[in-house]
N, C-alpha and C. Protein backbone atom coordinates (compact mmCIF):
# COMPACT_ATOMS: atom_id res chain seq x y z
N MET A 1 91.66 115.04 95.21
CA MET A 1 92.91 114.94 95.93
C MET A 1 94.04 115.11 94.91
N SER A 2 95.00 115.92 95.26
CA SER A 2 96.15 116.11 94.37
C SER A 2 97.07 114.91 94.43
N GLN A 3 97.89 114.79 93.42
CA GLN A 3 98.89 113.73 93.38
C GLN A 3 99.81 113.82 94.60
N GLU A 4 100.20 115.02 94.94
CA GLU A 4 101.06 115.24 96.11
C GLU A 4 100.34 114.87 97.40
N GLY A 5 99.08 115.24 97.51
CA GLY A 5 98.30 114.89 98.69
C GLY A 5 98.10 113.39 98.83
N LEU A 6 97.82 112.73 97.72
CA LEU A 6 97.65 111.28 97.72
C LEU A 6 98.95 110.60 98.14
N ALA A 7 100.06 111.03 97.57
CA ALA A 7 101.35 110.45 97.91
C ALA A 7 101.63 110.63 99.40
N HIS A 8 101.35 111.81 99.91
CA HIS A 8 101.58 112.08 101.34
C HIS A 8 100.72 111.17 102.21
N GLU A 9 99.44 111.08 101.90
CA GLU A 9 98.52 110.25 102.68
C GLU A 9 98.90 108.77 102.62
N ALA A 10 99.43 108.34 101.48
CA ALA A 10 99.79 106.93 101.30
C ALA A 10 101.19 106.62 101.80
N GLY A 11 101.96 107.66 102.11
CA GLY A 11 103.33 107.44 102.55
C GLY A 11 104.25 107.03 101.41
N LEU A 12 103.94 107.53 100.22
CA LEU A 12 104.72 107.23 99.03
C LEU A 12 105.31 108.52 98.47
N ASP A 13 106.35 108.38 97.67
CA ASP A 13 106.96 109.54 97.03
C ASP A 13 106.05 110.05 95.91
N ARG A 14 105.93 111.37 95.79
CA ARG A 14 105.07 111.96 94.78
C ARG A 14 105.49 111.55 93.37
N SER A 15 106.78 111.47 93.11
CA SER A 15 107.24 111.09 91.77
C SER A 15 106.87 109.64 91.45
N TYR A 16 106.86 108.77 92.47
CA TYR A 16 106.46 107.38 92.28
C TYR A 16 104.98 107.31 91.90
N VAL A 17 104.16 108.06 92.60
CA VAL A 17 102.73 108.10 92.29
C VAL A 17 102.52 108.64 90.87
N GLY A 18 103.29 109.65 90.49
CA GLY A 18 103.19 110.20 89.14
C GLY A 18 103.56 109.19 88.07
N ARG A 19 104.61 108.42 88.32
CA ARG A 19 105.03 107.40 87.35
C ARG A 19 103.98 106.30 87.22
N ILE A 20 103.36 105.94 88.34
CA ILE A 20 102.27 104.96 88.30
C ILE A 20 101.11 105.50 87.48
N GLU A 21 100.74 106.73 87.75
CA GLU A 21 99.61 107.35 87.05
C GLU A 21 99.85 107.42 85.54
N ARG A 22 101.07 107.69 85.14
CA ARG A 22 101.40 107.79 83.72
C ARG A 22 101.68 106.43 83.08
N GLY A 23 101.64 105.35 83.87
CA GLY A 23 101.89 104.02 83.35
C GLY A 23 103.36 103.74 83.10
N GLU A 24 104.23 104.49 83.73
CA GLU A 24 105.67 104.33 83.55
C GLU A 24 106.29 103.39 84.57
N HIS A 25 105.51 103.00 85.57
CA HIS A 25 106.03 102.15 86.63
C HIS A 25 104.95 101.14 87.01
N ASN A 26 105.35 99.90 87.22
CA ASN A 26 104.41 98.88 87.67
C ASN A 26 104.09 99.09 89.14
N LEU A 27 102.85 98.95 89.48
CA LEU A 27 102.37 99.13 90.84
C LEU A 27 102.56 97.85 91.63
N THR A 28 103.20 97.95 92.79
CA THR A 28 103.32 96.77 93.66
C THR A 28 102.03 96.62 94.45
N PHE A 29 101.79 95.41 94.96
CA PHE A 29 100.59 95.19 95.76
C PHE A 29 100.64 96.05 97.03
N ALA A 30 101.82 96.15 97.63
CA ALA A 30 101.96 96.96 98.85
C ALA A 30 101.60 98.41 98.58
N ALA A 31 102.04 98.95 97.44
CA ALA A 31 101.71 100.33 97.09
C ALA A 31 100.22 100.47 96.80
N LEU A 32 99.63 99.46 96.15
CA LEU A 32 98.20 99.46 95.88
C LEU A 32 97.41 99.55 97.18
N VAL A 33 97.80 98.76 98.17
CA VAL A 33 97.12 98.78 99.47
C VAL A 33 97.24 100.17 100.10
N LYS A 34 98.43 100.76 100.06
CA LYS A 34 98.64 102.10 100.64
C LYS A 34 97.78 103.14 99.93
N LEU A 35 97.74 103.06 98.61
CA LEU A 35 96.94 104.03 97.85
C LEU A 35 95.45 103.85 98.13
N CYS A 36 95.00 102.61 98.22
CA CYS A 36 93.59 102.36 98.52
C CYS A 36 93.22 102.87 99.91
N ARG A 37 94.10 102.65 100.86
CA ARG A 37 93.82 103.17 102.21
C ARG A 37 93.73 104.69 102.19
N ALA A 38 94.64 105.33 101.47
CA ALA A 38 94.64 106.79 101.39
C ALA A 38 93.37 107.31 100.72
N MET A 39 92.85 106.55 99.74
CA MET A 39 91.64 106.97 99.03
C MET A 39 90.37 106.41 99.65
N LYS A 40 90.54 105.63 100.73
CA LYS A 40 89.41 105.02 101.44
C LYS A 40 88.57 104.15 100.50
N CYS A 41 89.27 103.32 99.72
CA CYS A 41 88.59 102.37 98.85
C CYS A 41 89.09 100.96 99.16
N ASP A 42 88.32 99.98 98.76
CA ASP A 42 88.59 98.59 99.07
C ASP A 42 89.40 97.95 97.93
N VAL A 43 90.54 97.35 98.26
CA VAL A 43 91.38 96.71 97.26
C VAL A 43 90.61 95.62 96.53
N ALA A 44 89.89 94.80 97.26
CA ALA A 44 89.15 93.69 96.66
C ALA A 44 88.11 94.20 95.66
N ALA A 45 87.39 95.24 96.02
CA ALA A 45 86.38 95.80 95.12
C ALA A 45 87.04 96.41 93.88
N LEU A 46 88.18 97.04 94.09
CA LEU A 46 88.89 97.69 92.99
C LEU A 46 89.42 96.69 91.99
N THR A 47 89.84 95.52 92.47
CA THR A 47 90.44 94.52 91.58
C THR A 47 89.47 93.42 91.16
N ASN A 48 88.24 93.46 91.62
CA ASN A 48 87.25 92.44 91.28
C ASN A 48 87.00 92.44 89.77
N GLY A 49 87.07 91.25 89.19
CA GLY A 49 86.78 91.09 87.77
C GLY A 49 87.99 91.23 86.86
N ILE A 50 89.16 91.51 87.41
CA ILE A 50 90.36 91.59 86.58
C ILE A 50 90.76 90.17 86.21
N PRO A 51 90.90 89.88 84.93
CA PRO A 51 91.27 88.52 84.53
C PRO A 51 92.65 88.11 85.04
N ALA A 52 92.81 86.84 85.35
CA ALA A 52 94.11 86.33 85.79
C ALA A 52 95.14 86.53 84.70
N GLY A 53 96.36 86.86 85.09
CA GLY A 53 97.45 87.03 84.15
C GLY A 53 97.46 88.39 83.48
N THR A 54 96.64 89.32 83.94
CA THR A 54 96.59 90.65 83.35
C THR A 54 97.54 91.57 84.05
């Protein structure tokens, strides 16, 4: 999936998705949920094992 396609499916701006991908912008939980839905992945599974405070 292209960055543009992912942004479209998630209802996010393509430049925002690009900044997230490059580590230039912090990802909000709401955006994470939208991106996971667009990629058909589970937020809980994706974040499982991440240490607290990371």
